[in-house]
Amino acid sequence: MTRVRVLVAESHPLIREDLRYLIDGEADLECVGVAKNGRQCIELCRQLLPDLLIVDELLPGADGLAIAAIVGNRLPQIRVVMYTFNPKVCEVARDVGAVGCVAKDMPFDVLLGALRQAAPAPSLRRH
């Protein structure tokens, strides 16, 4: 089975590592990298070409909405899921190209469900 390749861009080190651990614990998902700021996020998107990007709303060097727009324009094959404490951001995130948005206070199962829903069809994934 081909796993969905996920890049995590999160400013908080503990949340970043929790997400890596959570994703790698799923049989159908794989965390291919983590970014702690906006520049690193864009760089890793270009290098790794993940299927999905989970992006924090507030990253040092760029906000998550700007990153979602950049990725949507330059790397449209990468699907973006916004991860935020502010649910009002979700509507704006979808307007700039995010395919999903999850509030950080939701259980991890909600995030996993959003990742699976956002994932490209198996035939469209890069191996």
C-alpha atoms as a PDB file:
ATOM      1  CA  MET A   1       0.000   0.000   0.000  1.00  0.00           C
ATOM      2  CA  THR A   2       1.318   3.468  -0.903  1.00  0.00           C
ATOM      3  CA  ARG A   3       1.237   5.777   2.076  1.00  0.00           C
ATOM      4  CA  VAL A   4       0.098   9.394   1.866  1.00  0.00           C
ATOM      5  CA  ARG A   5       3.189  11.583   2.226  1.00  0.00           C
ATOM      6  CA  VAL A   6       2.668  14.453   4.692  1.00  0.00           C
ATOM      7  CA  LEU A   7       4.821  17.484   5.497  1.00  0.00           C
ATOM      8  CA  VAL A   8       4.160  19.211   8.828  1.00  0.00           C
ATOM      9  CA  ALA A   9       4.798  22.961   9.179  1.00  0.00           C
ATOM     10  CA  GLU A  10       4.257  23.955  12.803  1.00  0.00           C
ATOM     11  CA  SER A  11       5.941  26.622  14.924  1.00  0.00           C
ATOM     12  CA  HIS A  12       5.635  24.897  18.300  1.00  0.00           C
ATOM     13  CA  PRO A  13       8.253  22.121  18.756  1.00  0.00           C
ATOM     14  CA  LEU A  14       6.053  19.879  20.909  1.00  0.00           C
ATOM     15  CA  ILE A  15       3.070  20.053  18.559  1.00  0.00           C
ATOM     16  CA  ARG A  16       5.383  19.527  15.580  1.00  0.00           C
ATOM     17  CA  GLU A  17       6.806  16.323  17.066  1.00  0.00           C
ATOM     18  CA  ASP A  18       3.387  15.121  18.258  1.00  0.00           C
ATOM     19  CA  LEU A  19       2.071  15.472  14.712  1.00  0.00           C
ATOM     20  CA  ARG A  20       5.061  13.586  13.293  1.00  0.00           C
ATOM     21  CA  TYR A  21       4.509  10.771  15.796  1.00  0.00           C
ATOM     22  CA  LEU A  22       0.739  10.700  15.194  1.00  0.00           C
ATOM     23  CA  ILE A  23       1.080  10.578  11.416  1.00  0.00           C
ATOM     24  CA  ASP A  24       3.834   7.955  11.413  1.00  0.00           C
ATOM     25  CA  GLY A  25       1.692   5.775  13.674  1.00  0.00           C
ATOM     26  CA  GLU A  26      -0.925   5.408  10.923  1.00  0.00           C
ATOM     27  CA  ALA A  27      -0.571   2.618   8.364  1.00  0.00           C
ATOM     28  CA  ASP A  28      -1.720   4.822   5.474  1.00  0.00           C
ATOM     29  CA  LEU A  29       0.167   8.037   6.351  1.00  0.00           C
ATOM     30  CA  GLU A  30       3.850   8.959   6.475  1.00  0.00           C
ATOM     31  CA  CYS A  31       5.453  12.141   7.791  1.00  0.00           C
ATOM     32  CA  VAL A  32       8.196  12.934   5.268  1.00  0.00           C
ATOM     33  CA  GLY A  33       9.422  16.072   7.016  1.00  0.00           C
ATOM     34  CA  VAL A  34       8.773  18.877   9.453  1.00  0.00           C
ATOM     35  CA  ALA A  35       9.268  22.629   9.078  1.00  0.00           C
ATOM     36  CA  LYS A  36       9.475  25.184  11.868  1.00  0.00           C
ATOM     37  CA  ASN A  37       9.168  28.365   9.797  1.00  0.00           C
ATOM     38  CA  GLY A  38       7.788  29.677   6.517  1.00  0.00           C
ATOM     39  CA  ARG A  39      11.022  29.584   4.535  1.00  0.00           C
ATOM     40  CA  GLN A  40      11.786  26.010   5.561  1.00  0.00           C
ATOM     41  CA  CYS A  41       8.213  24.995   4.735  1.00  0.00           C
ATOM     42  CA  ILE A  42       8.392  26.268   1.150  1.00  0.00           C
ATOM     43  CA  GLU A  43      11.868  24.790   0.700  1.00  0.00           C
ATOM     44  CA  LEU A  44      10.770  21.356   1.942  1.00  0.00           C
ATOM     45  CA  CYS A  45       7.627  21.454  -0.204  1.00  0.00           C
ATOM     46  CA  ARG A  46       9.843  21.954  -3.275  1.00  0.00           C
ATOM     47  CA  GLN A  47      12.358  19.287  -2.250  1.00  0.00           C
ATOM     48  CA  LEU A  48      10.041  16.584  -0.910  1.00  0.00           C
ATOM     49  CA  LEU A  49       6.861  17.159  -2.959  1.00  0.00           C
ATOM     50  CA  PRO A  50       4.555  15.721  -0.290  1.00  0.00           C
ATOM     51  CA  ASP A  51       0.967  14.769  -1.071  1.00  0.00           C
ATOM     52  CA  LEU A  52      -0.262  16.901   1.846  1.00  0.00           C
ATOM     53  CA  LEU A  53       0.962  19.890   3.817  1.00  0.00           C
ATOM     54  CA  ILE A  54      -0.349  20.560   7.317  1.00  0.00           C
ATOM     55  CA  VAL A  55       0.413  24.209   7.974  1.00  0.00           C
ATOM     56  CA  ASP A  56       0.138  26.188  11.185  1.00  0.00           C
ATOM     57  CA  GLU A  57      -1.702  29.468  10.817  1.00  0.00           C
ATOM     58  CA  LEU A  58       1.183  31.362  12.435  1.00  0.00           C
ATOM     59  CA  LEU A  59       4.705  30.429  11.353  1.00  0.00           C
ATOM     60  CA  PRO A  60       7.819  32.561  11.847  1.00  0.00           C
ATOM     61  CA  GLY A  61       8.678  34.247   8.562  1.00  0.00           C
ATOM     62  CA  ALA A  62       5.258  33.811   6.918  1.00  0.00           C
ATOM     63  CA  ASP A  63       1.712  33.162   7.929  1.00  0.00           C
ATOM     64  CA  GLY A  64       0.006  29.917   7.052  1.00  0.00           C
ATOM     65  CA  LEU A  65      -2.495  31.608   4.762  1.00  0.00           C
ATOM     66  CA  ALA A  66       0.323  33.077   2.673  1.00  0.00           C
ATOM     67  CA  ILE A  67       2.003  29.675   2.526  1.00  0.00           C
ATOM     68  CA  ALA A  68      -1.262  28.011   1.458  1.00  0.00           C
ATOM     69  CA  ALA A  69      -1.568  30.547  -1.370  1.00  0.00           C
ATOM     70  CA  ILE A  70       2.071  30.123  -2.454  1.00  0.00           C
ATOM     71  CA  VAL A  71       1.858  26.334  -2.438  1.00  0.00           C
ATOM     72  CA  GLY A  72      -1.484  26.448  -4.242  1.00  0.00           C
ATOM     73  CA  ASN A  73      -0.020  28.634  -6.985  1.00  0.00           C
ATOM     74  CA  ARG A  74       3.451  27.132  -7.365  1.00  0.00           C
ATOM     75  CA  LEU A  75       2.946  23.514  -6.321  1.00  0.00           C
ATOM     76  CA  PRO A  76      -0.741  22.788  -6.942  1.00  0.00           C
ATOM     77  CA  GLN A  77      -0.219  19.030  -6.650  1.00  0.00           C
ATOM     78  CA  ILE A  78       0.358  19.503  -2.892  1.00  0.00           C
ATOM     79  CA  ARG A  79      -2.902  19.697  -0.974  1.00  0.00           C
ATOM     80  CA  VAL A  80      -2.942  22.001   2.029  1.00  0.00           C
ATOM     81  CA  VAL A  81      -4.697  21.474   5.357  1.00  0.00           C
ATOM     82  CA  MET A  82      -4.632  24.502   7.674  1.00  0.00           C
ATOM     83  CA  TYR A  83      -4.097  23.799  11.391  1.00  0.00           C
ATOM     84  CA  THR A  84      -5.209  26.695  13.600  1.00  0.00           C
ATOM     85  CA  PHE A  85      -6.466  27.856  16.978  1.00  0.00           C
ATOM     86  CA  ASN A  86      -8.752  30.320  15.197  1.00  0.00           C
ATOM     87  CA  PRO A  87     -11.656  28.590  13.385  1.00  0.00           C
ATOM     88  CA  LYS A  88     -12.480  31.877  11.589  1.00  0.00           C
ATOM     89  CA  VAL A  89      -9.299  31.337   9.581  1.00  0.00           C
ATOM     90  CA  CYS A  90     -10.813  28.248   7.954  1.00  0.00           C
ATOM     91  CA  GLU A  91     -13.042  30.176   5.559  1.00  0.00           C
ATOM     92  CA  VAL A  92     -10.152  32.365   4.426  1.00  0.00           C
ATOM     93  CA  ALA A  93      -7.898  29.301   4.152  1.00  0.00           C
ATOM     94  CA  ARG A  94     -10.314  27.651   1.746  1.00  0.00           C
ATOM     95  CA  ASP A  95     -10.492  30.872  -0.277  1.00  0.00           C
ATOM     96  CA  VAL A  96      -6.708  30.793  -0.795  1.00  0.00           C
ATOM     97  CA  GLY A  97      -6.674  27.130  -1.782  1.00  0.00           C
ATOM     98  CA  ALA A  98      -6.562  24.980   1.356  1.00  0.00           C
ATOM     99  CA  VAL A  99      -8.624  21.815   0.940  1.00  0.00           C
ATOM    100  CA  GLY A 100      -9.130  21.384   4.668  1.00  0.00           C
ATOM    101  CA  CYS A 101      -8.896  23.188   7.976  1.00  0.00           C
ATOM    102  CA  VAL A 102      -8.802  21.781  11.499  1.00  0.00           C
ATOM    103  CA  ALA A 103      -8.920  23.623  14.803  1.00  0.00           C
ATOM    104  CA  LYS A 104      -6.052  22.685  17.104  1.00  0.00           C
ATOM    105  CA  ASP A 105      -8.423  22.048  19.997  1.00  0.00           C
ATOM    106  CA  MET A 106     -10.121  19.195  18.112  1.00  0.00           C
ATOM    107  CA  PRO A 107      -9.155  15.567  18.859  1.00  0.00           C
ATOM    108  CA  PHE A 108      -6.365  14.130  16.708  1.00  0.00           C
ATOM    109  CA  ASP A 109      -8.898  11.788  15.069  1.00  0.00           C
ATOM    110  CA  VAL A 110     -10.508  14.849  13.465  1.00  0.00           C
ATOM    111  CA  LEU A 111      -7.148  15.879  12.006  1.00  0.00           C
ATOM    112  CA  LEU A 112      -6.484  12.356  10.738  1.00  0.00           C
ATOM    113  CA  GLY A 113      -9.915  12.307   9.114  1.00  0.00           C
ATOM    114  CA  ALA A 114      -9.255  15.661   7.447  1.00  0.00           C
ATOM    115  CA  LEU A 115      -5.910  14.389   6.124  1.00  0.00           C
ATOM    116  CA  ARG A 116      -7.495  11.293   4.667  1.00  0.00           C
ATOM    117  CA  GLN A 117     -10.284  13.313   3.103  1.00  0.00           C
ATOM    118  CA  ALA A 118      -7.792  15.785   1.603  1.00  0.00           C
ATOM    119  CA  ALA A 119      -5.443  13.106   0.283  1.00  0.00           C
ATOM    120  CA  PRO A 120      -5.234  12.679  -3.479  1.00  0.00           C
ATOM    121  CA  ALA A 121      -6.584   9.493  -5.021  1.00  0.00           C
ATOM    122  CA  PRO A 122      -3.984   6.673  -4.936  1.00  0.00           C
ATOM    123  CA  SER A 123      -3.442   6.930  -8.694  1.00  0.00           C
ATOM    124  CA  LEU A 124      -2.423  10.600  -8.316  1.00  0.00           C
ATOM    125  CA  ARG A 125       0.124  10.093  -5.527  1.00  0.00           C
ATOM    126  CA  ARG A 126       3.846  10.294  -6.131  1.00  0.00           C
ATOM    127  CA  HIS A 127       5.750   7.173  -5.128  1.00  0.00           C
END
